[in-house]
């Protein structure tokens, strides 16, 4: 199923409502993040990806999520500070969301991306084209700097 997130509304880190139209023209990697997870080290790799491709119109967007094993219990300010100090990550973070159960955006919409279903764990990744189409979905175990993800990003940037 083709999923376009352009009109999906989310809440920014600063607590403002925005739609993904705000990012039109950029390739996005949307990730549900957590600070106390076995995959937390992916923060550094996500930042590396953004640094590598930012000049070509690529952005990582992180959505803190406490749905899996209570692995993101902190407040937003703590989360942002932890990411920056521990991993040098300064990509854009948003308000906390729910990726399973009673989901909140963007995951209510993104969970329709093939293979459709709820996010299974922290650090699941969704690749979004410049026009808001959800192109690919990568499980938590797929490293951000994997050949698979980088090739998919490069295909969208070219």
C-alpha atoms as a PDB file:
ATOM      1  CA  UNK A   1       0.000   0.000   0.000  1.00  0.00           C
ATOM      2  CA  UNK A   2       1.287   3.446  -0.902  1.00  0.00           C
ATOM      3  CA  UNK A   3       1.360   5.773   2.077  1.00  0.00           C
ATOM      4  CA  UNK A   4       1.891   9.529   1.864  1.00  0.00           C
ATOM      5  CA  UNK A   5       2.564  11.378   5.109  1.00  0.00           C
ATOM      6  CA  UNK A   6       2.575  14.969   3.771  1.00  0.00           C
ATOM      7  CA  UNK A   7      -0.643  15.928   5.590  1.00  0.00           C
ATOM      8  CA  UNK A   8       0.118  13.977   8.768  1.00  0.00           C
ATOM      9  CA  UNK A   9       0.321  16.266  11.788  1.00  0.00           C
ATOM     10  CA  UNK A  10       2.891  15.768  14.542  1.00  0.00           C
ATOM     11  CA  UNK A  11       3.986  17.754  17.583  1.00  0.00           C
ATOM     12  CA  UNK A  12       7.457  19.304  17.463  1.00  0.00           C
ATOM     13  CA  UNK A  13       9.980  19.275  20.284  1.00  0.00           C
ATOM     14  CA  UNK A  14       8.848  22.853  20.994  1.00  0.00           C
ATOM     15  CA  UNK A  15       5.243  21.581  21.318  1.00  0.00           C
ATOM     16  CA  UNK A  16       4.013  23.077  18.026  1.00  0.00           C
ATOM     17  CA  UNK A  17       1.748  21.263  15.556  1.00  0.00           C
ATOM     18  CA  UNK A  18       3.359  20.765  12.146  1.00  0.00           C
ATOM     19  CA  UNK A  19       2.621  18.595   9.130  1.00  0.00           C
ATOM     20  CA  UNK A  20       5.236  16.720   7.151  1.00  0.00           C
ATOM     21  CA  UNK A  21       4.608  19.203   4.312  1.00  0.00           C
ATOM     22  CA  UNK A  22       7.090  21.264   6.350  1.00  0.00           C
ATOM     23  CA  UNK A  23       9.816  18.859   5.134  1.00  0.00           C
ATOM     24  CA  UNK A  24       8.686  18.692   1.479  1.00  0.00           C
ATOM     25  CA  UNK A  25      11.739  18.439  -0.743  1.00  0.00           C
ATOM     26  CA  UNK A  26      13.784  16.519   1.835  1.00  0.00           C
ATOM     27  CA  UNK A  27      14.318  12.777   2.043  1.00  0.00           C
ATOM     28  CA  UNK A  28      13.470  11.699   5.590  1.00  0.00           C
ATOM     29  CA  UNK A  29      14.337   8.788   7.835  1.00  0.00           C
ATOM     30  CA  UNK A  30      11.751   8.624  10.620  1.00  0.00           C
ATOM     31  CA  UNK A  31      12.782   6.582  13.658  1.00  0.00           C
ATOM     32  CA  UNK A  32      11.131   5.729  16.977  1.00  0.00           C
ATOM     33  CA  UNK A  33      13.987   6.240  19.434  1.00  0.00           C
ATOM     34  CA  UNK A  34      14.724   5.228  23.037  1.00  0.00           C
ATOM     35  CA  UNK A  35      17.615   6.016  25.368  1.00  0.00           C
ATOM     36  CA  UNK A  36      17.788   2.760  27.346  1.00  0.00           C
ATOM     37  CA  UNK A  37      17.643   0.162  24.581  1.00  0.00           C
ATOM     38  CA  UNK A  38      20.119  -2.302  23.113  1.00  0.00           C
ATOM     39  CA  UNK A  39      19.800  -0.351  19.849  1.00  0.00           C
ATOM     40  CA  UNK A  40      20.427   3.059  21.470  1.00  0.00           C
ATOM     41  CA  UNK A  41      23.933   3.109  19.992  1.00  0.00           C
ATOM     42  CA  UNK A  42      22.197   3.665  16.643  1.00  0.00           C
ATOM     43  CA  UNK A  43      21.851   7.342  17.647  1.00  0.00           C
ATOM     44  CA  UNK A  44      25.461   7.852  16.525  1.00  0.00           C
ATOM     45  CA  UNK A  45      24.926   6.061  13.207  1.00  0.00           C
ATOM     46  CA  UNK A  46      21.734   8.042  12.565  1.00  0.00           C
ATOM     47  CA  UNK A  47      23.639  11.271  13.161  1.00  0.00           C
ATOM     48  CA  UNK A  48      26.423  10.046  10.851  1.00  0.00           C
ATOM     49  CA  UNK A  49      23.837   9.436   8.124  1.00  0.00           C
ATOM     50  CA  UNK A  50      22.386  12.911   8.519  1.00  0.00           C
ATOM     51  CA  UNK A  51      25.862  14.460   8.447  1.00  0.00           C
ATOM     52  CA  UNK A  52      26.780  12.484   5.325  1.00  0.00           C
ATOM     53  CA  UNK A  53      23.671  13.343   3.300  1.00  0.00           C
ATOM     54  CA  UNK A  54      22.346  16.589   4.822  1.00  0.00           C
ATOM     55  CA  UNK A  55      23.813  18.812   2.113  1.00  0.00           C
ATOM     56  CA  UNK A  56      21.846  16.767  -0.454  1.00  0.00           C
ATOM     57  CA  UNK A  57      18.511  17.222   1.356  1.00  0.00           C
ATOM     58  CA  UNK A  58      18.370  14.369   3.874  1.00  0.00           C
ATOM     59  CA  UNK A  59      17.141  14.562   7.470  1.00  0.00           C
ATOM     60  CA  UNK A  60      16.685  12.157  10.352  1.00  0.00           C
ATOM     61  CA  UNK A  61      13.586  12.756  12.493  1.00  0.00           C
ATOM     62  CA  UNK A  62      13.469  11.069  15.896  1.00  0.00           C
ATOM     63  CA  UNK A  63      10.272  10.289  17.772  1.00  0.00           C
ATOM     64  CA  UNK A  64      10.944   9.222  21.387  1.00  0.00           C
ATOM     65  CA  UNK A  65       8.782   6.265  22.312  1.00  0.00           C
ATOM     66  CA  UNK A  66       8.325   4.505  25.664  1.00  0.00           C
ATOM     67  CA  UNK A  67       6.173   1.643  24.330  1.00  0.00           C
ATOM     68  CA  UNK A  68       8.846  -1.047  24.419  1.00  0.00           C
ATOM     69  CA  UNK A  69      10.180  -2.183  27.769  1.00  0.00           C
ATOM     70  CA  UNK A  70       9.848   1.285  29.342  1.00  0.00           C
ATOM     71  CA  UNK A  71      13.112   2.202  27.591  1.00  0.00           C
ATOM     72  CA  UNK A  72      12.371   5.904  27.119  1.00  0.00           C
ATOM     73  CA  UNK A  73      11.068   7.054  30.516  1.00  0.00           C
ATOM     74  CA  UNK A  74      12.749  10.481  30.484  1.00  0.00           C
ATOM     75  CA  UNK A  75      11.436  13.933  29.755  1.00  0.00           C
ATOM     76  CA  UNK A  76      12.195  15.512  26.372  1.00  0.00           C
ATOM     77  CA  UNK A  77      14.902  17.840  27.676  1.00  0.00           C
ATOM     78  CA  UNK A  78      16.723  14.871  29.288  1.00  0.00           C
ATOM     79  CA  UNK A  79      16.406  12.819  26.111  1.00  0.00           C
ATOM     80  CA  UNK A  80      17.821  15.589  23.922  1.00  0.00           C
ATOM     81  CA  UNK A  81      20.715  16.191  26.329  1.00  0.00           C
ATOM     82  CA  UNK A  82      21.459  12.454  26.533  1.00  0.00           C
ATOM     83  CA  UNK A  83      21.521  12.120  22.727  1.00  0.00           C
ATOM     84  CA  UNK A  84      23.826  15.075  22.326  1.00  0.00           C
ATOM     85  CA  UNK A  85      26.268  14.253  25.127  1.00  0.00           C
ATOM     86  CA  UNK A  86      26.362  10.470  24.715  1.00  0.00           C
ATOM     87  CA  UNK A  87      26.206  10.151  20.919  1.00  0.00           C
ATOM     88  CA  UNK A  88      26.764  13.596  19.436  1.00  0.00           C
ATOM     89  CA  UNK A  89      23.266  13.331  17.974  1.00  0.00           C
ATOM     90  CA  UNK A  90      21.559  16.607  17.198  1.00  0.00           C
ATOM     91  CA  UNK A  91      19.022  15.529  14.580  1.00  0.00           C
ATOM     92  CA  UNK A  92      15.490  16.796  15.115  1.00  0.00           C
ATOM     93  CA  UNK A  93      13.464  15.228  17.929  1.00  0.00           C
ATOM     94  CA  UNK A  94       9.716  15.474  18.429  1.00  0.00           C
ATOM     95  CA  UNK A  95       7.303  14.981  21.313  1.00  0.00           C
ATOM     96  CA  UNK A  96       6.962  11.443  22.644  1.00  0.00           C
ATOM     97  CA  UNK A  97       4.666   9.174  20.642  1.00  0.00           C
ATOM     98  CA  UNK A  98       3.091   5.718  20.715  1.00  0.00           C
ATOM     99  CA  UNK A  99       4.133   3.310  17.948  1.00  0.00           C
ATOM    100  CA  UNK A 100       2.012   0.344  19.043  1.00  0.00           C
ATOM    101  CA  UNK A 101      -1.355  -0.183  20.676  1.00  0.00           C
ATOM    102  CA  UNK A 102      -3.216   3.115  20.732  1.00  0.00           C
ATOM    103  CA  UNK A 103      -0.772   4.725  18.303  1.00  0.00           C
ATOM    104  CA  UNK A 104      -0.165   8.396  17.684  1.00  0.00           C
ATOM    105  CA  UNK A 105       1.111  10.065  14.544  1.00  0.00           C
ATOM    106  CA  UNK A 106       3.255   9.566  12.645  1.00  0.00           C
ATOM    107  CA  UNK A 107       3.003   5.861  13.480  1.00  0.00           C
ATOM    108  CA  UNK A 108      -0.761   5.551  13.038  1.00  0.00           C
ATOM    109  CA  UNK A 109      -0.045   6.248   9.365  1.00  0.00           C
ATOM    110  CA  UNK A 110       3.418   4.672   9.072  1.00  0.00           C
ATOM    111  CA  UNK A 111       2.209   1.343  10.482  1.00  0.00           C
ATOM    112  CA  UNK A 112       0.354   0.951   7.160  1.00  0.00           C
ATOM    113  CA  UNK A 113       3.684   0.788   5.274  1.00  0.00           C
ATOM    114  CA  UNK A 114       4.523  -2.701   4.015  1.00  0.00           C
ATOM    115  CA  UNK A 115       4.963  -4.935   5.743  1.00  0.00           C
ATOM    116  CA  UNK A 116       1.966  -3.353   7.479  1.00  0.00           C
ATOM    117  CA  UNK A 117       1.609  -3.759  11.211  1.00  0.00           C
ATOM    118  CA  UNK A 118       2.665  -2.165  14.444  1.00  0.00           C
ATOM    119  CA  UNK A 119       6.244  -1.155  15.032  1.00  0.00           C
ATOM    120  CA  UNK A 120       7.865  -4.133  16.757  1.00  0.00           C
ATOM    121  CA  UNK A 121      10.602  -2.403  18.775  1.00  0.00           C
ATOM    122  CA  UNK A 122      12.621   0.778  19.238  1.00  0.00           C
ATOM    123  CA  UNK A 123      14.644   2.117  16.292  1.00  0.00           C
ATOM    124  CA  UNK A 124      12.400   0.897  13.493  1.00  0.00           C
ATOM    125  CA  UNK A 125      13.086   3.139  10.500  1.00  0.00           C
ATOM    126  CA  UNK A 126      10.844   4.533   7.750  1.00  0.00           C
ATOM    127  CA  UNK A 127      12.312   6.105   4.622  1.00  0.00           C
ATOM    128  CA  UNK A 128      10.256   8.913   3.109  1.00  0.00           C
ATOM    129  CA  UNK A 129      10.711  10.428  -0.370  1.00  0.00           C
ATOM    130  CA  UNK A 130      10.948  14.153  -1.099  1.00  0.00           C
ATOM    131  CA  UNK A 131       7.205  14.221  -1.875  1.00  0.00           C
ATOM    132  CA  UNK A 132       6.136  12.478   1.340  1.00  0.00           C
ATOM    133  CA  UNK A 133       5.769   8.902   0.069  1.00  0.00           C
ATOM    134  CA  UNK A 134       6.801   6.188   2.513  1.00  0.00           C
ATOM    135  CA  UNK A 135       9.240   4.174   0.390  1.00  0.00           C
ATOM    136  CA  UNK A 136      10.731   1.601   2.744  1.00  0.00           C
ATOM    137  CA  UNK A 137      10.560   0.209   6.259  1.00  0.00           C
ATOM    138  CA  UNK A 138      13.559  -1.207   8.099  1.00  0.00           C
ATOM    139  CA  UNK A 139      13.447  -3.264  11.294  1.00  0.00           C
ATOM    140  CA  UNK A 140      15.415  -2.246  14.383  1.00  0.00           C
ATOM    141  CA  UNK A 141      18.186  -4.735  13.652  1.00  0.00           C
ATOM    142  CA  UNK A 142      19.018  -3.072  10.316  1.00  0.00           C
ATOM    143  CA  UNK A 143      21.885  -0.717  11.118  1.00  0.00           C
ATOM    144  CA  UNK A 144      21.365   2.878   9.927  1.00  0.00           C
ATOM    145  CA  UNK A 145      24.684   2.861   8.056  1.00  0.00           C
ATOM    146  CA  UNK A 146      23.978  -0.492   6.381  1.00  0.00           C
ATOM    147  CA  UNK A 147      24.465  -0.768   2.629  1.00  0.00           C
ATOM    148  CA  UNK A 148      20.722  -1.464   2.321  1.00  0.00           C
ATOM    149  CA  UNK A 149      19.661   1.817   3.957  1.00  0.00           C
ATOM    150  CA  UNK A 150      22.385   3.949   2.367  1.00  0.00           C
ATOM    151  CA  UNK A 151      21.547   2.644  -1.110  1.00  0.00           C
ATOM    152  CA  UNK A 152      17.850   3.397  -0.569  1.00  0.00           C
ATOM    153  CA  UNK A 153      18.697   6.939   0.620  1.00  0.00           C
ATOM    154  CA  UNK A 154      21.043   7.547  -2.310  1.00  0.00           C
ATOM    155  CA  UNK A 155      18.418   6.315  -4.779  1.00  0.00           C
ATOM    156  CA  UNK A 156      15.980   8.920  -3.445  1.00  0.00           C
ATOM    157  CA  UNK A 157      18.578  11.696  -3.383  1.00  0.00           C
ATOM    158  CA  UNK A 158      19.651  11.142  -7.002  1.00  0.00           C
END
